[in-house]
N, C-alpha and C. Protein backbone atom coordinates (compact mmCIF):
# COMPACT_ATOMS: atom_id res chain seq x y z
N UNK A 1 0.88 -1.15 -0.08
CA UNK A 1 0.18 0.02 -0.33
C UNK A 1 1.10 1.08 -0.13
N UNK A 2 0.54 2.37 -0.50
CA UNK A 2 1.18 3.39 -0.95
C UNK A 2 0.26 4.63 -0.37
N UNK A 3 0.51 5.11 0.61
CA UNK A 3 -0.18 6.56 1.18
C UNK A 3 0.62 7.93 0.68
N UNK A 4 -0.28 8.66 0.18
CA UNK A 4 0.37 10.17 -0.40
C UNK A 4 -0.44 11.07 0.30
N UNK A 5 0.33 12.14 0.52
CA UNK A 5 0.13 13.54 1.27
C UNK A 5 0.09 14.60 0.55
N UNK A 6 0.45 15.71 1.20
CA UNK A 6 0.86 16.92 0.76
C UNK A 6 2.47 17.18 0.58
N UNK A 7 3.03 16.63 1.66
CA UNK A 7 4.41 16.71 1.93
C UNK A 7 5.03 15.25 2.21
N UNK A 8 6.35 14.96 1.86
CA UNK A 8 6.88 13.72 2.13
C UNK A 8 7.32 13.39 3.71
N UNK A 9 7.01 12.21 3.88
CA UNK A 9 7.49 11.70 5.13
C UNK A 9 6.15 11.87 6.60
N UNK A 10 6.43 11.81 7.54
CA UNK A 10 5.86 11.88 8.59
C UNK A 10 6.59 12.73 9.75
N UNK A 11 5.70 12.90 10.45
CA UNK A 11 6.15 14.01 11.83
C UNK A 11 5.33 13.56 13.21
N UNK A 12 5.75 13.77 14.37
CA UNK A 12 5.24 13.78 15.58
C UNK A 12 3.72 14.41 15.75
N UNK A 13 2.74 14.01 16.06
CA UNK A 13 1.86 14.59 16.27
C UNK A 13 1.64 16.30 16.68
N UNK A 14 2.62 16.54 17.28
CA UNK A 14 2.46 17.91 18.04
C UNK A 14 3.37 18.46 17.11
N UNK A 15 4.22 18.38 15.87
CA UNK A 15 4.75 18.68 14.68
C UNK A 15 4.10 19.88 14.15
N UNK A 16 4.74 21.04 13.38
CA UNK A 16 4.15 21.78 13.03
C UNK A 16 4.05 22.12 11.58
N UNK A 17 4.47 20.91 10.89
CA UNK A 17 4.47 21.02 9.31
C UNK A 17 2.90 20.68 8.91
N UNK A 18 2.54 21.76 7.90
CA UNK A 18 1.12 21.74 7.24
C UNK A 18 1.49 20.70 6.37
N UNK A 19 0.16 19.58 6.40
CA UNK A 19 0.39 18.70 4.89
C UNK A 19 0.95 17.56 5.13
N UNK A 20 1.97 17.34 6.34
CA UNK A 20 2.50 16.20 6.55
C UNK A 20 2.09 15.28 7.48
N UNK A 21 1.96 14.05 7.14
CA UNK A 21 1.52 13.03 8.09
C UNK A 21 1.59 12.87 9.45
N UNK A 22 0.74 12.63 10.69
CA UNK A 22 1.21 12.27 11.45
C UNK A 22 1.37 11.00 11.97
N UNK A 23 0.96 10.08 10.94
CA UNK A 23 1.31 8.33 11.29
C UNK A 23 1.91 8.00 10.63
N UNK A 24 1.62 7.59 9.48
CA UNK A 24 2.68 6.55 8.55
C UNK A 24 3.40 7.52 7.66
N UNK A 25 4.63 7.16 7.38
CA UNK A 25 5.27 8.01 6.10
C UNK A 25 4.52 8.02 4.89
N UNK A 26 4.49 9.17 4.26
CA UNK A 26 3.65 8.98 2.97
C UNK A 26 4.79 9.89 1.94
N UNK A 27 4.00 9.33 0.66
CA UNK A 27 4.68 10.32 -0.50
C UNK A 27 4.00 11.57 -0.21
N UNK A 28 4.53 12.34 -0.55
CA UNK A 28 4.57 13.94 -1.20
C UNK A 28 4.01 14.04 -2.26
N UNK A 29 3.51 15.03 -2.69
CA UNK A 29 2.70 15.37 -3.87
C UNK A 29 3.27 15.21 -5.18
N UNK A 30 4.70 15.33 -5.34
CA UNK A 30 5.58 15.49 -6.40
C UNK A 30 5.76 13.87 -6.63
N UNK A 31 6.06 13.46 -5.82
CA UNK A 31 6.22 11.61 -6.08
C UNK A 31 4.96 11.09 -6.43
N UNK A 32 3.98 11.67 -5.83
CA UNK A 32 2.78 10.62 -6.04
C UNK A 32 2.50 10.96 -7.87
N UNK A 33 2.38 12.33 -7.98
CA UNK A 33 2.24 12.66 -9.43
C UNK A 33 3.12 11.78 -10.39
N UNK A 34 4.60 11.96 -10.13
CA UNK A 34 5.19 10.90 -10.82
C UNK A 34 4.83 9.83 -10.68
N UNK A 35 4.66 9.11 -9.86
CA UNK A 35 4.06 7.85 -9.62
C UNK A 35 2.96 7.57 -10.69
N UNK A 36 2.14 8.17 -10.77
CA UNK A 36 1.05 8.34 -11.57
C UNK A 36 1.31 7.83 -12.75
N UNK A 37 1.86 9.21 -13.17
CA UNK A 37 2.16 9.25 -14.47
C UNK A 37 3.11 8.23 -15.46
N UNK A 38 4.16 7.92 -14.33
CA UNK A 38 4.61 6.62 -14.73
C UNK A 38 3.88 5.40 -14.74
N UNK A 39 2.87 4.91 -14.19
CA UNK A 39 2.37 3.87 -13.85
C UNK A 39 1.00 3.67 -15.50
N UNK A 40 1.12 4.88 -15.36
CA UNK A 40 0.00 5.15 -16.88
C UNK A 40 0.78 5.23 -18.05
N UNK A 41 1.95 5.80 -18.35
CA UNK A 41 3.04 5.20 -19.34
C UNK A 41 3.12 3.83 -19.79
N UNK A 42 3.19 2.97 -18.47
CA UNK A 42 3.30 1.72 -18.44
C UNK A 42 2.45 1.03 -19.37
N UNK A 43 1.17 1.51 -19.18
CA UNK A 43 -0.36 0.84 -19.72
C UNK A 43 -0.25 1.08 -21.30
N UNK A 44 0.45 1.80 -21.44
CA UNK A 44 0.32 2.29 -23.09
C UNK A 44 0.99 1.17 -24.19
């Protein structure tokens, strides 16, 4: 399973980075976008 969020990684619940997960490490938007485009290219 891959999780995506605005920013890469994760932080402690008391962290102050907007858009960063406080649970599991996630792919940030730029990496998520690249992954989706790469998968789409494989289907061609």
